[in-house]
Amino acid sequence: MAGLILAASGSILGQTLFLIGIILFAMTTAFAFITLPVEFDASKRALVWLKSHNMVTQQELSGATDALKWAARTYVVAALGSLATLIYFIMMFMGRR
């Protein structure tokens, strides 16, 4: 944030800090996309565990399946949101709106 504020004032230090911030944010965005398969696999494994240990009834299993699938999809939305934010910051850095 300091880089963003200093960059707005035209400072070279601000530009550099802003670029470093963008690079670090890009790394977290990449991590969000890299871990997506892990999140979907965790939901699948949870369903298998619920079935194999008879933790829920058939009716509850339907609800659990739906809930776990939507829970995994929240990670997709978070990754896309992170990507959109990264693109926004890059556009700001390049001087575009």
C-alpha atoms as a PDB file:
ATOM      1  CA  MET A   1       0.000   0.000   0.000  1.00  0.00           C
ATOM      2  CA  ALA A   2       2.897   2.340   0.728  1.00  0.00           C
ATOM      3  CA  GLY A   3       4.186   1.779  -2.800  1.00  0.00           C
ATOM      4  CA  LEU A   4       0.760   2.584  -4.224  1.00  0.00           C
ATOM      5  CA  ILE A   5       0.547   5.830  -2.267  1.00  0.00           C
ATOM      6  CA  LEU A   6       4.122   6.858  -3.065  1.00  0.00           C
ATOM      7  CA  ALA A   7       3.683   5.891  -6.723  1.00  0.00           C
ATOM      8  CA  ALA A   8       0.677   8.195  -6.937  1.00  0.00           C
ATOM      9  CA  SER A   9       2.920  11.060  -5.865  1.00  0.00           C
ATOM     10  CA  GLY A  10       5.337  10.295  -8.707  1.00  0.00           C
ATOM     11  CA  SER A  11       8.153   8.997  -6.518  1.00  0.00           C
ATOM     12  CA  ILE A  12      10.646   6.552  -8.072  1.00  0.00           C
ATOM     13  CA  LEU A  13      10.800   4.739  -4.727  1.00  0.00           C
ATOM     14  CA  GLY A  14       7.024   4.465  -4.825  1.00  0.00           C
ATOM     15  CA  GLN A  15       7.116   2.987  -8.326  1.00  0.00           C
ATOM     16  CA  THR A  16       9.681   0.429  -7.194  1.00  0.00           C
ATOM     17  CA  LEU A  17       7.735  -0.516  -4.056  1.00  0.00           C
ATOM     18  CA  PHE A  18       4.546  -0.760  -6.087  1.00  0.00           C
ATOM     19  CA  LEU A  19       6.235  -3.092  -8.582  1.00  0.00           C
ATOM     20  CA  ILE A  20       7.590  -5.262  -5.755  1.00  0.00           C
ATOM     21  CA  GLY A  21       4.081  -5.393  -4.296  1.00  0.00           C
ATOM     22  CA  ILE A  22       2.669  -6.468  -7.652  1.00  0.00           C
ATOM     23  CA  ILE A  23       5.270  -9.222  -7.964  1.00  0.00           C
ATOM     24  CA  LEU A  24       4.511 -10.504  -4.458  1.00  0.00           C
ATOM     25  CA  PHE A  25       0.775 -10.356  -5.135  1.00  0.00           C
ATOM     26  CA  ALA A  26       1.332 -12.278  -8.392  1.00  0.00           C
ATOM     27  CA  MET A  27       3.017 -15.006  -6.377  1.00  0.00           C
ATOM     28  CA  THR A  28      -0.009 -15.328  -4.077  1.00  0.00           C
ATOM     29  CA  THR A  29      -2.309 -15.379  -7.102  1.00  0.00           C
ATOM     30  CA  ALA A  30      -0.259 -18.174  -8.671  1.00  0.00           C
ATOM     31  CA  PHE A  31      -0.425 -20.077  -5.378  1.00  0.00           C
ATOM     32  CA  ALA A  32      -4.225 -19.735  -5.366  1.00  0.00           C
ATOM     33  CA  PHE A  33      -4.439 -21.326  -8.821  1.00  0.00           C
ATOM     34  CA  ILE A  34      -1.855 -24.010  -8.085  1.00  0.00           C
ATOM     35  CA  THR A  35      -3.738 -25.194  -5.005  1.00  0.00           C
ATOM     36  CA  LEU A  36      -7.142 -25.458  -6.724  1.00  0.00           C
ATOM     37  CA  PRO A  37      -6.768 -29.178  -7.520  1.00  0.00           C
ATOM     38  CA  VAL A  38      -5.854 -29.826  -3.874  1.00  0.00           C
ATOM     39  CA  GLU A  39      -9.074 -28.172  -2.708  1.00  0.00           C
ATOM     40  CA  PHE A  40     -11.238 -30.177  -5.109  1.00  0.00           C
ATOM     41  CA  ASP A  41      -9.459 -33.384  -4.071  1.00  0.00           C
ATOM     42  CA  ALA A  42     -10.061 -32.569  -0.401  1.00  0.00           C
ATOM     43  CA  SER A  43     -13.797 -32.298  -1.049  1.00  0.00           C
ATOM     44  CA  LYS A  44     -13.794 -35.626  -2.890  1.00  0.00           C
ATOM     45  CA  ARG A  45     -11.858 -37.300  -0.086  1.00  0.00           C
ATOM     46  CA  ALA A  46     -14.266 -35.884   2.495  1.00  0.00           C
ATOM     47  CA  LEU A  47     -17.208 -37.377   0.622  1.00  0.00           C
ATOM     48  CA  VAL A  48     -15.509 -40.751   0.394  1.00  0.00           C
ATOM     49  CA  TRP A  49     -14.775 -40.619   4.130  1.00  0.00           C
ATOM     50  CA  LEU A  50     -18.373 -39.700   4.957  1.00  0.00           C
ATOM     51  CA  LYS A  51     -19.646 -42.615   2.876  1.00  0.00           C
ATOM     52  CA  SER A  52     -17.134 -45.190   4.078  1.00  0.00           C
ATOM     53  CA  HIS A  53     -17.622 -44.396   7.776  1.00  0.00           C
ATOM     54  CA  ASN A  54     -21.424 -44.182   7.536  1.00  0.00           C
ATOM     55  CA  MET A  55     -21.364 -40.717   9.073  1.00  0.00           C
ATOM     56  CA  VAL A  56     -24.470 -39.480   7.266  1.00  0.00           C
ATOM     57  CA  THR A  57     -27.731 -40.855   5.945  1.00  0.00           C
ATOM     58  CA  GLN A  58     -28.413 -41.000   2.211  1.00  0.00           C
ATOM     59  CA  GLN A  59     -30.466 -37.806   2.420  1.00  0.00           C
ATOM     60  CA  GLU A  60     -27.716 -36.039   4.394  1.00  0.00           C
ATOM     61  CA  LEU A  61     -25.113 -37.312   1.940  1.00  0.00           C
ATOM     62  CA  SER A  62     -26.882 -35.476  -0.875  1.00  0.00           C
ATOM     63  CA  GLY A  63     -26.710 -32.235   1.099  1.00  0.00           C
ATOM     64  CA  ALA A  64     -23.097 -32.859   2.112  1.00  0.00           C
ATOM     65  CA  THR A  65     -22.148 -33.506  -1.516  1.00  0.00           C
ATOM     66  CA  ASP A  66     -23.722 -30.239  -2.584  1.00  0.00           C
ATOM     67  CA  ALA A  67     -22.129 -28.301   0.290  1.00  0.00           C
ATOM     68  CA  LEU A  68     -18.649 -29.698  -0.335  1.00  0.00           C
ATOM     69  CA  LYS A  69     -18.823 -29.016  -4.067  1.00  0.00           C
ATOM     70  CA  TRP A  70     -19.843 -25.408  -3.433  1.00  0.00           C
ATOM     71  CA  ALA A  71     -17.153 -25.070  -0.776  1.00  0.00           C
ATOM     72  CA  ALA A  72     -14.528 -26.125  -3.323  1.00  0.00           C
ATOM     73  CA  ARG A  73     -15.945 -23.642  -5.824  1.00  0.00           C
ATOM     74  CA  THR A  74     -15.383 -20.789  -3.382  1.00  0.00           C
ATOM     75  CA  TYR A  75     -11.658 -21.328  -3.956  1.00  0.00           C
ATOM     76  CA  VAL A  76     -12.200 -20.881  -7.694  1.00  0.00           C
ATOM     77  CA  VAL A  77     -13.992 -17.586  -7.057  1.00  0.00           C
ATOM     78  CA  ALA A  78     -11.206 -16.466  -4.708  1.00  0.00           C
ATOM     79  CA  ALA A  79      -8.538 -17.305  -7.298  1.00  0.00           C
ATOM     80  CA  LEU A  80     -10.421 -15.422 -10.019  1.00  0.00           C
ATOM     81  CA  GLY A  81     -10.884 -12.458  -7.703  1.00  0.00           C
ATOM     82  CA  SER A  82      -7.173 -12.469  -6.964  1.00  0.00           C
ATOM     83  CA  LEU A  83      -6.415 -12.553 -10.686  1.00  0.00           C
ATOM     84  CA  ALA A  84      -8.775  -9.640 -11.344  1.00  0.00           C
ATOM     85  CA  THR A  85      -7.119  -7.624  -8.575  1.00  0.00           C
ATOM     86  CA  LEU A  86      -3.677  -8.434  -9.949  1.00  0.00           C
ATOM     87  CA  ILE A  87      -4.703  -7.250 -13.406  1.00  0.00           C
ATOM     88  CA  TYR A  88      -6.114  -4.065 -11.873  1.00  0.00           C
ATOM     89  CA  PHE A  89      -2.833  -3.338 -10.070  1.00  0.00           C
ATOM     90  CA  ILE A  90      -0.825  -4.029 -13.221  1.00  0.00           C
ATOM     91  CA  MET A  91      -3.019  -1.645 -15.187  1.00  0.00           C
ATOM     92  CA  MET A  92      -2.561   1.007 -12.494  1.00  0.00           C
ATOM     93  CA  PHE A  93       1.203   0.492 -12.640  1.00  0.00           C
ATOM     94  CA  MET A  94       1.172   0.885 -16.408  1.00  0.00           C
ATOM     95  CA  GLY A  95      -0.820   4.114 -16.082  1.00  0.00           C
ATOM     96  CA  ARG A  96      -4.127   2.841 -17.449  1.00  0.00           C
ATOM     97  CA  ARG A  97      -7.522   2.819 -15.799  1.00  0.00           C
END
